[in-house]
Amino acid sequence: MNIREIQEKDNAAMEKIIKNSLESFGLNIPGTAYFDPQLGNLTQYYKNLHHAKYWVLVDERDHVVGGVGIAPFHNHKGVCELQKLYLKPEVQGRGLSKKLMNVALDFAKQHYSQCYLETMKILEKANFLYEKLGFQKLD
C-alpha cells in the first residue's frame, strides 16, 4: 500500500468509496459528505484551496482503496478540518486509517494550530481512532 496525493484519475474511485461507505451506515443523507457538490472532483476542489490537500491510499496496482483530506475550516484562522477519511471495507482493520491520518495531520501541523473533524456516533471504530490520536469531543 502506498499513500500519494490524489490525481484526476482517482476522483471517480474516491467518490464511489465515500458513497458506498456512507450508504453502508445509512448515512446517505443531507448534511453528510454524500451530498457534497465537490465529491466527484476532489482533485480540483483541494487544488483550489489554500493549504489543503487530499491523499489516496493505493494498492500495488495503483487502485484507490481509500483517502483523506485537510482543508481550512470555514473562516476560523489557524484551524483546519480533517475531511473524507474513508477506506474500502476489504482493507479496513489494518491500521491504514491511522497511516492516512498521520500523513494528513503532519501536513496540517505545517499550516494550522488546530484540527477539527465531524463524525457521527454510529461510526464507533472511527471515533475510537480519532480519540486515540488526540481528538476531543466538543459540546
Protein backbone atom coordinates (compact mmCIF):
# COMPACT_ATOMS: atom_id res chain seq x y z
CA MET A 1 0.00 0.00 0.00
CA ASN A 2 1.16 3.49 -0.84
CA ILE A 3 -0.14 6.96 0.05
CA ARG A 4 0.07 9.70 -2.57
CA GLU A 5 -1.70 12.92 -3.48
CA ILE A 6 -4.94 12.49 -5.39
CA GLN A 7 -4.87 12.66 -9.19
CA GLU A 8 -7.71 13.32 -11.66
CA LYS A 9 -7.90 9.59 -12.44
CA ASP A 10 -8.75 8.90 -8.77
CA ASN A 11 -11.85 11.11 -8.50
CA ALA A 12 -14.46 8.53 -9.51
CA ALA A 13 -12.96 5.82 -7.31
CA MET A 14 -12.96 8.05 -4.22
CA GLU A 15 -16.49 9.22 -4.87
CA LYS A 16 -17.63 5.59 -5.06
CA ILE A 17 -15.73 4.61 -1.88
CA ILE A 18 -17.24 7.53 0.05
CA LYS A 19 -20.78 6.95 -1.17
CA ASN A 20 -20.64 3.17 -0.59
CA SER A 21 -19.30 3.69 2.92
CA LEU A 22 -21.98 6.20 3.86
CA GLU A 23 -24.70 4.00 2.35
CA SER A 24 -23.49 1.04 4.43
CA PHE A 25 -24.22 3.03 7.61
CA GLY A 26 -27.45 4.57 6.33
CA LEU A 27 -25.72 7.96 6.21
CA ASN A 28 -26.55 8.80 2.61
CA ILE A 29 -28.50 11.76 3.96
CA PRO A 30 -28.32 15.54 3.53
CA GLY A 31 -25.61 17.12 5.67
CA THR A 32 -23.08 14.35 5.06
CA ALA A 33 -20.25 14.14 2.52
CA TYR A 34 -22.63 12.08 0.36
CA PHE A 35 -24.14 15.29 -1.00
CA ASP A 36 -21.00 17.47 -1.13
CA PRO A 37 -21.01 19.18 -4.55
CA GLN A 38 -17.25 18.65 -4.93
CA LEU A 39 -17.41 14.90 -4.27
CA GLY A 40 -16.96 13.98 -7.94
CA ASN A 41 -13.91 16.22 -8.39
CA LEU A 42 -11.85 16.15 -5.22
CA THR A 43 -8.64 16.81 -7.15
CA GLN A 44 -9.74 20.22 -8.37
CA TYR A 45 -11.51 21.11 -5.13
CA TYR A 46 -8.43 20.62 -2.95
CA LYS A 47 -6.14 22.19 -5.55
CA ASN A 48 -8.20 25.39 -5.40
CA LEU A 49 -7.95 25.74 -1.60
CA HIS A 50 -5.04 27.33 0.23
CA HIS A 51 -3.11 24.90 2.49
CA ALA A 52 -5.30 21.97 1.52
CA LYS A 53 -4.56 18.51 0.16
CA TYR A 54 -6.22 15.18 -0.42
CA TRP A 55 -4.32 11.90 -0.33
CA VAL A 56 -5.31 8.49 -1.58
CA LEU A 57 -4.22 5.08 -0.43
CA VAL A 58 -3.46 2.80 -3.38
CA ASP A 59 -2.67 -0.88 -3.65
CA GLU A 60 0.23 -2.41 -5.56
CA ARG A 61 -1.67 -1.98 -8.86
CA ASP A 62 -2.31 1.73 -8.10
CA HIS A 63 -6.01 1.10 -7.45
CA VAL A 64 -7.51 3.52 -4.94
CA VAL A 65 -8.69 1.87 -1.71
CA GLY A 66 -9.13 4.95 0.50
CA GLY A 67 -8.34 8.57 1.14
CA VAL A 68 -8.27 11.57 3.48
CA GLY A 69 -8.15 15.35 3.15
CA ILE A 70 -7.16 18.50 5.01
CA ALA A 71 -8.77 21.86 4.25
CA PRO A 72 -9.25 25.20 6.01
CA PHE A 73 -12.17 25.17 8.45
CA HIS A 74 -14.53 27.91 7.26
CA ASN A 75 -13.33 31.31 8.46
CA HIS A 76 -11.53 30.09 11.58
CA LYS A 77 -7.96 31.35 11.31
CA GLY A 78 -5.41 28.66 12.16
CA VAL A 79 -7.99 25.85 12.15
CA CYS A 80 -8.23 23.09 9.55
CA GLU A 81 -10.65 20.24 9.10
CA LEU A 82 -9.76 16.61 8.57
CA GLN A 83 -12.16 15.53 5.83
CA LYS A 84 -13.38 12.50 3.97
CA LEU A 85 -11.44 9.72 5.66
CA TYR A 86 -12.81 6.58 4.01
CA LEU A 87 -11.49 3.12 3.18
CA LYS A 88 -12.89 0.21 1.23
CA PRO A 89 -14.19 -2.44 3.64
CA GLU A 90 -11.68 -5.07 2.47
CA VAL A 91 -8.71 -3.00 3.68
CA GLN A 92 -10.16 -1.86 7.00
CA GLY A 93 -8.76 -3.14 10.28
CA ARG A 94 -5.11 -3.00 9.17
CA GLY A 95 -4.11 0.36 10.66
CA LEU A 96 -4.38 2.11 7.29
CA SER A 97 -6.76 4.82 8.53
CA LYS A 98 -4.19 5.76 11.14
CA LYS A 99 -1.48 5.95 8.47
CA LEU A 100 -3.66 8.20 6.32
CA MET A 101 -4.48 10.40 9.29
CA ASN A 102 -0.82 10.72 10.23
CA VAL A 103 0.05 11.95 6.73
CA ALA A 104 -2.81 14.45 6.84
CA LEU A 105 -2.06 15.64 10.37
CA ASP A 106 1.67 16.04 9.61
CA PHE A 107 0.67 18.34 6.74
CA ALA A 108 -1.83 20.17 8.96
CA LYS A 109 0.83 20.89 11.61
CA GLN A 110 2.80 22.84 8.99
CA HIS A 111 -0.10 25.25 8.35
CA TYR A 112 -2.56 25.16 11.25
CA SER A 113 -2.62 25.27 15.05
CA GLN A 114 -5.81 23.21 15.47
CA CYS A 115 -7.64 20.48 13.58
CA TYR A 116 -11.39 19.85 13.64
CA LEU A 117 -13.40 16.94 12.30
CA GLU A 118 -17.05 15.99 12.12
CA THR A 119 -18.23 12.47 12.72
CA MET A 120 -21.32 10.50 13.70
CA LYS A 121 -21.81 8.49 16.85
CA ILE A 122 -22.65 5.39 14.78
CA LEU A 123 -19.07 5.34 13.40
CA GLU A 124 -17.68 3.73 16.54
CA LYS A 125 -14.39 2.43 15.13
CA ALA A 126 -13.60 5.77 13.52
CA ASN A 127 -14.42 7.63 16.73
CA PHE A 128 -12.15 5.30 18.70
CA LEU A 129 -9.29 6.11 16.31
CA TYR A 130 -9.95 9.85 16.49
CA GLU A 131 -9.81 9.80 20.28
CA LYS A 132 -6.69 7.62 20.23
CA LEU A 133 -4.99 10.24 18.04
CA GLY A 134 -5.87 13.05 20.44
CA PHE A 135 -9.16 14.43 19.15
CA GLN A 136 -11.58 15.52 21.86
CA LYS A 137 -15.35 15.69 21.67
CA LEU A 138 -16.87 19.17 21.64
CA ASP A 139 -20.21 20.14 23.13
